[in-house]
């Protein structure tokens, strides 16, 4: 809720409490999205189809998707369409990068703690 609506709710509850009425607020659990609610619509350009809707004239390469429904279909032979040949090397490089990033982050945290301790000692 925004501050304005929260202030309005508090004002209403205070006025009802002043009249001697008991006020309680029940916060509802958020519900899951229902089927079809996740599709948002374009600004009625062309057929006004929902985003992600492939019309009858569209090809799998997404040639007809330039303006229509906001979805782009990659061709099958595009990036990510096939597995890399050196998967083991890619995974090894990824793990090395993760280890290096974690080590650098830990060193940064230690350096910040040392800096704050030195400031406390000096100050």
C-alpha atoms as a PDB file:
ATOM      1  CA  UNK A   1       0.000   0.000   0.000  1.00  0.00           C
ATOM      2  CA  UNK A   2       1.110   3.501  -0.628  1.00  0.00           C
ATOM      3  CA  UNK A   3       1.379   5.994   2.200  1.00  0.00           C
ATOM      4  CA  UNK A   4      -1.744   7.806   1.042  1.00  0.00           C
ATOM      5  CA  UNK A   5      -3.919   4.699   1.146  1.00  0.00           C
ATOM      6  CA  UNK A   6      -2.403   3.653   4.480  1.00  0.00           C
ATOM      7  CA  UNK A   7      -3.138   7.090   5.939  1.00  0.00           C
ATOM      8  CA  UNK A   8      -6.694   6.846   4.627  1.00  0.00           C
ATOM      9  CA  UNK A   9      -7.129   3.413   6.245  1.00  0.00           C
ATOM     10  CA  UNK A  10      -5.791   4.704   9.569  1.00  0.00           C
ATOM     11  CA  UNK A  11      -8.106   7.712   9.421  1.00  0.00           C
ATOM     12  CA  UNK A  12     -11.138   5.505   8.822  1.00  0.00           C
ATOM     13  CA  UNK A  13     -10.182   3.098  11.628  1.00  0.00           C
ATOM     14  CA  UNK A  14      -9.597   5.993  14.051  1.00  0.00           C
ATOM     15  CA  UNK A  15     -12.983   7.544  13.250  1.00  0.00           C
ATOM     16  CA  UNK A  16     -14.748   4.193  13.733  1.00  0.00           C
ATOM     17  CA  UNK A  17     -12.861   3.569  16.986  1.00  0.00           C
ATOM     18  CA  UNK A  18     -13.936   7.030  18.210  1.00  0.00           C
ATOM     19  CA  UNK A  19     -17.561   6.000  17.602  1.00  0.00           C
ATOM     20  CA  UNK A  20     -16.988   2.937  19.790  1.00  0.00           C
ATOM     21  CA  UNK A  21     -16.847   0.372  16.996  1.00  0.00           C
ATOM     22  CA  UNK A  22     -14.224  -2.368  17.015  1.00  0.00           C
ATOM     23  CA  UNK A  23     -11.879  -2.190  14.048  1.00  0.00           C
ATOM     24  CA  UNK A  24      -9.800  -5.067  12.741  1.00  0.00           C
ATOM     25  CA  UNK A  25      -7.850  -5.395   9.541  1.00  0.00           C
ATOM     26  CA  UNK A  26      -7.427  -8.758   7.847  1.00  0.00           C
ATOM     27  CA  UNK A  27      -4.522  -9.084   5.436  1.00  0.00           C
ATOM     28  CA  UNK A  28      -5.284 -11.641   2.755  1.00  0.00           C
ATOM     29  CA  UNK A  29      -2.686 -14.114   1.564  1.00  0.00           C
ATOM     30  CA  UNK A  30      -1.419 -13.445  -1.934  1.00  0.00           C
ATOM     31  CA  UNK A  31      -2.883 -15.905  -4.396  1.00  0.00           C
ATOM     32  CA  UNK A  32      -1.203 -17.605  -7.305  1.00  0.00           C
ATOM     33  CA  UNK A  33      -1.683 -16.309 -10.799  1.00  0.00           C
ATOM     34  CA  UNK A  34      -4.593 -17.896 -12.615  1.00  0.00           C
ATOM     35  CA  UNK A  35      -4.322 -19.336 -16.085  1.00  0.00           C
ATOM     36  CA  UNK A  36      -4.144 -16.560 -18.669  1.00  0.00           C
ATOM     37  CA  UNK A  37      -3.506 -13.747 -16.173  1.00  0.00           C
ATOM     38  CA  UNK A  38       0.198 -13.679 -16.940  1.00  0.00           C
ATOM     39  CA  UNK A  39      -0.344 -12.576 -20.508  1.00  0.00           C
ATOM     40  CA  UNK A  40      -0.374  -8.819 -20.842  1.00  0.00           C
ATOM     41  CA  UNK A  41      -1.725  -7.173 -23.934  1.00  0.00           C
ATOM     42  CA  UNK A  42      -0.033  -4.770 -26.321  1.00  0.00           C
ATOM     43  CA  UNK A  43      -1.507  -1.345 -26.942  1.00  0.00           C
ATOM     44  CA  UNK A  44      -3.874  -2.852 -29.492  1.00  0.00           C
ATOM     45  CA  UNK A  45      -1.380  -2.543 -32.321  1.00  0.00           C
ATOM     46  CA  UNK A  46      -2.459  -4.615 -35.267  1.00  0.00           C
ATOM     47  CA  UNK A  47      -4.680  -7.437 -34.028  1.00  0.00           C
ATOM     48  CA  UNK A  48      -4.076  -6.529 -30.398  1.00  0.00           C
ATOM     49  CA  UNK A  49      -2.927 -10.056 -29.660  1.00  0.00           C
ATOM     50  CA  UNK A  50      -1.565 -11.019 -26.271  1.00  0.00           C
ATOM     51  CA  UNK A  51       2.191 -10.968 -25.825  1.00  0.00           C
ATOM     52  CA  UNK A  52       3.697 -14.276 -26.772  1.00  0.00           C
ATOM     53  CA  UNK A  53       0.852 -15.173 -29.104  1.00  0.00           C
ATOM     54  CA  UNK A  54       2.084 -16.571 -32.411  1.00  0.00           C
ATOM     55  CA  UNK A  55      -0.401 -15.778 -35.155  1.00  0.00           C
ATOM     56  CA  UNK A  56      -1.067 -17.896 -38.216  1.00  0.00           C
ATOM     57  CA  UNK A  57       1.230 -15.867 -40.490  1.00  0.00           C
ATOM     58  CA  UNK A  58       4.234 -15.952 -38.173  1.00  0.00           C
ATOM     59  CA  UNK A  59       7.131 -18.279 -38.867  1.00  0.00           C
ATOM     60  CA  UNK A  60       9.174 -20.055 -36.211  1.00  0.00           C
ATOM     61  CA  UNK A  61      12.082 -17.695 -36.875  1.00  0.00           C
ATOM     62  CA  UNK A  62      10.012 -14.800 -35.573  1.00  0.00           C
ATOM     63  CA  UNK A  63      10.094 -12.869 -38.843  1.00  0.00           C
ATOM     64  CA  UNK A  64       6.538 -11.655 -38.273  1.00  0.00           C
ATOM     65  CA  UNK A  65       7.189 -10.661 -34.671  1.00  0.00           C
ATOM     66  CA  UNK A  66       8.923  -7.355 -35.346  1.00  0.00           C
ATOM     67  CA  UNK A  67       6.017  -5.177 -34.206  1.00  0.00           C
ATOM     68  CA  UNK A  68       3.045  -7.408 -33.442  1.00  0.00           C
ATOM     69  CA  UNK A  69       2.972  -9.107 -30.080  1.00  0.00           C
ATOM     70  CA  UNK A  70       6.291  -8.270 -28.404  1.00  0.00           C
ATOM     71  CA  UNK A  71       7.732 -11.799 -28.558  1.00  0.00           C
ATOM     72  CA  UNK A  72      10.857 -12.830 -30.401  1.00  0.00           C
ATOM     73  CA  UNK A  73      11.386 -16.480 -31.332  1.00  0.00           C
ATOM     74  CA  UNK A  74      14.984 -17.476 -31.879  1.00  0.00           C
ATOM     75  CA  UNK A  75      15.695 -19.733 -34.812  1.00  0.00           C
ATOM     76  CA  UNK A  76      16.744 -23.249 -33.882  1.00  0.00           C
ATOM     77  CA  UNK A  77      20.336 -22.700 -35.030  1.00  0.00           C
ATOM     78  CA  UNK A  78      20.864 -19.525 -32.974  1.00  0.00           C
ATOM     79  CA  UNK A  79      22.882 -19.028 -29.787  1.00  0.00           C
ATOM     80  CA  UNK A  80      21.932 -21.649 -27.219  1.00  0.00           C
ATOM     81  CA  UNK A  81      20.392 -23.923 -29.831  1.00  0.00           C
ATOM     82  CA  UNK A  82      23.027 -26.629 -29.391  1.00  0.00           C
ATOM     83  CA  UNK A  83      25.342 -27.816 -26.621  1.00  0.00           C
ATOM     84  CA  UNK A  84      28.903 -26.504 -26.604  1.00  0.00           C
ATOM     85  CA  UNK A  85      31.580 -28.992 -27.589  1.00  0.00           C
ATOM     86  CA  UNK A  86      33.892 -28.245 -24.653  1.00  0.00           C
ATOM     87  CA  UNK A  87      31.280 -28.444 -21.890  1.00  0.00           C
ATOM     88  CA  UNK A  88      33.759 -29.782 -19.326  1.00  0.00           C
ATOM     89  CA  UNK A  89      36.123 -26.871 -19.905  1.00  0.00           C
ATOM     90  CA  UNK A  90      33.270 -24.354 -19.703  1.00  0.00           C
ATOM     91  CA  UNK A  91      32.095 -25.842 -16.395  1.00  0.00           C
ATOM     92  CA  UNK A  92      35.652 -25.853 -15.035  1.00  0.00           C
ATOM     93  CA  UNK A  93      36.152 -22.204 -15.997  1.00  0.00           C
ATOM     94  CA  UNK A  94      32.815 -21.309 -14.401  1.00  0.00           C
ATOM     95  CA  UNK A  95      33.756 -23.006 -11.124  1.00  0.00           C
ATOM     96  CA  UNK A  96      37.161 -21.254 -11.105  1.00  0.00           C
ATOM     97  CA  UNK A  97      35.453 -17.904 -11.655  1.00  0.00           C
ATOM     98  CA  UNK A  98      32.986 -18.596  -8.836  1.00  0.00           C
ATOM     99  CA  UNK A  99      35.844 -19.476  -6.455  1.00  0.00           C
ATOM    100  CA  UNK A 100      37.760 -16.336  -7.446  1.00  0.00           C
ATOM    101  CA  UNK A 101      34.670 -14.133  -6.980  1.00  0.00           C
ATOM    102  CA  UNK A 102      33.941 -15.598  -3.544  1.00  0.00           C
ATOM    103  CA  UNK A 103      37.563 -15.173  -2.485  1.00  0.00           C
ATOM    104  CA  UNK A 104      37.599 -11.546  -3.652  1.00  0.00           C
ATOM    105  CA  UNK A 105      34.328 -10.840  -1.838  1.00  0.00           C
ATOM    106  CA  UNK A 106      35.695 -12.380   1.388  1.00  0.00           C
ATOM    107  CA  UNK A 107      38.889 -10.314   1.093  1.00  0.00           C
ATOM    108  CA  UNK A 108      36.788  -7.169   0.588  1.00  0.00           C
ATOM    109  CA  UNK A 109      34.759  -7.950   3.717  1.00  0.00           C
ATOM    110  CA  UNK A 110      37.924  -8.554   5.754  1.00  0.00           C
ATOM    111  CA  UNK A 111      39.469  -5.303   4.473  1.00  0.00           C
ATOM    112  CA  UNK A 112      36.300  -3.365   5.432  1.00  0.00           C
ATOM    113  CA  UNK A 113      36.365  -4.864   8.940  1.00  0.00           C
ATOM    114  CA  UNK A 114      40.051  -4.001   9.347  1.00  0.00           C
ATOM    115  CA  UNK A 115      39.414  -0.454   8.160  1.00  0.00           C
ATOM    116  CA  UNK A 116      36.582   0.001  10.650  1.00  0.00           C
ATOM    117  CA  UNK A 117      38.704  -1.451  13.479  1.00  0.00           C
ATOM    118  CA  UNK A 118      41.574   0.882  12.624  1.00  0.00           C
ATOM    119  CA  UNK A 119      39.185   3.843  12.603  1.00  0.00           C
ATOM    120  CA  UNK A 120      37.858   2.801  16.037  1.00  0.00           C
ATOM    121  CA  UNK A 121      41.404   2.540  17.397  1.00  0.00           C
ATOM    122  CA  UNK A 122      42.418   5.947  15.979  1.00  0.00           C
ATOM    123  CA  UNK A 123      39.176   7.674  16.875  1.00  0.00           C
END
